[in-house]
Protein backbone atom coordinates (compact mmCIF):
# COMPACT_ATOMS: atom_id res chain seq x y z
CA MET A 1 -15.74 22.81 35.86
CA GLU A 2 -19.08 20.41 36.17
CA THR A 3 -20.68 18.88 33.69
CA PRO A 4 -24.50 17.83 32.95
CA GLU A 5 -23.79 14.59 34.20
CA GLU A 6 -22.12 15.30 37.11
CA ASN A 7 -25.31 17.85 38.36
CA PRO A 8 -28.56 16.51 38.01
CA GLN A 9 -30.54 19.88 38.70
CA THR A 10 -28.72 21.05 35.86
CA GLN A 11 -29.43 18.15 33.33
CA GLU A 12 -32.67 18.15 34.53
CA ARG A 13 -33.44 21.78 34.15
CA LEU A 14 -31.36 20.96 30.47
CA ILE A 15 -34.24 18.47 29.82
CA GLY A 16 -36.84 20.60 30.76
CA ASP A 17 -35.74 23.61 28.61
CA LEU A 18 -35.02 21.41 25.51
CA ARG A 19 -38.54 20.27 25.79
CA LEU A 20 -40.18 23.50 26.23
CA VAL A 21 -38.28 24.86 23.33
CA ILE A 22 -39.52 21.55 21.21
CA GLU A 23 -43.06 22.50 21.98
CA ASN A 24 -42.34 26.27 21.46
CA ALA A 25 -41.49 25.27 17.98
CA GLN A 26 -44.02 22.50 17.45
CA GLU A 27 -46.41 25.38 17.97
CA LEU A 28 -45.13 27.63 15.51
CA LEU A 29 -45.13 24.72 12.72
CA LYS A 30 -48.37 24.16 13.04
CA ASN A 31 -49.72 27.64 13.48
CA THR A 32 -47.52 28.59 10.42
CA ASP A 33 -48.67 26.23 7.60
CA GLN A 34 -51.29 28.78 6.33
CA TYR A 35 -48.41 30.45 4.88
CA THR A 36 -46.98 28.99 1.52
CA SER A 37 -44.31 31.25 0.09
CA VAL A 38 -41.28 29.72 -0.66
CA LEU A 39 -39.27 31.43 1.87
CA TYR A 40 -41.92 30.11 4.17
CA GLN A 41 -42.02 26.81 3.31
CA ASN A 42 -38.06 26.92 3.31
CA ALA A 43 -37.77 28.08 7.02
CA ARG A 44 -40.82 25.70 8.15
CA ALA A 45 -38.35 23.00 6.42
CA LYS A 46 -35.49 23.45 8.40
CA LEU A 47 -37.47 24.15 11.77
CA ALA A 48 -38.90 20.80 10.77
CA MET A 49 -35.50 19.32 10.80
CA ALA A 50 -34.37 20.91 13.41
CA LEU A 51 -36.98 19.90 15.42
CA ASN A 52 -36.37 15.71 14.52
CA ALA A 53 -32.71 16.57 15.47
CA ALA A 54 -33.81 18.18 19.12
CA ASN A 55 -36.13 15.26 19.87
CA GLU A 56 -33.43 12.47 18.89
CA GLU A 57 -31.00 14.21 21.36
CA LEU A 58 -33.83 14.81 23.78
CA GLU A 59 -34.61 11.21 23.66
CA ARG A 60 -30.73 10.31 24.10
CA PHE A 61 -30.63 12.58 27.27
CA GLU A 62 -33.70 11.11 28.67
CA ASP A 63 -32.65 7.12 28.00
CA ALA A 64 -28.96 8.46 29.05
CA GLN A 65 -30.42 9.84 32.58
CA LEU A 66 -32.81 6.85 33.09
CA SER A 67 -29.93 4.47 33.07
CA ARG A 68 -27.80 6.76 35.61
CA MET A 69 -30.80 6.73 37.66
CA MET A 70 -31.53 2.46 37.38
CA GLU A 71 -27.42 2.09 38.36
CA ALA A 72 -27.67 4.53 41.20
CA ALA A 73 -30.52 2.57 42.35
CA ARG A 74 -29.00 -0.96 41.86
CA LEU A 75 -26.10 0.19 43.90
CA ALA A 76 -27.73 1.92 46.88
CA ALA A 77 -30.11 -1.81 47.12
CA GLU A 78 -26.95 -3.76 46.93
CA SER A 79 -25.15 -1.43 49.60
CA CYS A 80 -28.43 -2.52 51.55
CA ALA A 81 -28.72 -6.61 50.88
CA GLY A 82 -27.22 -7.90 53.68
CA LEU A 83 -28.80 -5.20 56.35
CA SER A 84 -32.13 -5.88 57.77
CA GLY A 85 -35.87 -3.63 57.02
CA GLU A 86 -35.02 -2.18 60.53
CA GLU A 87 -31.30 -1.35 59.54
CA ARG A 88 -32.19 -0.05 57.07
CA VAL A 89 -34.21 2.39 58.01
CA LEU A 90 -32.22 3.34 60.94
CA ARG A 91 -29.19 3.97 58.12
CA ALA A 92 -31.33 6.23 56.83
CA PHE A 93 -31.50 8.28 59.49
CA HIS A 94 -27.74 8.26 59.81
């Protein structure tokens, strides 16, 4: 079974989904601040805590994704280090 680290498309989709959930939750918090009952305020506080955790997790995911992309770029550059410009272009077509 593939994990998100093994499938970049899945990871990008998950990050996009998490961003959407965060945006929707932020909008919900913004649109419910006029409700002052204890029940609403408790629910809003729990949602705010969950939103903070989700934002931290999203940042961690994005940092990990960026690190993997940078490592892949570094490895690709190293594999072409001894090639001339023409050889690098021709390699792209093989």
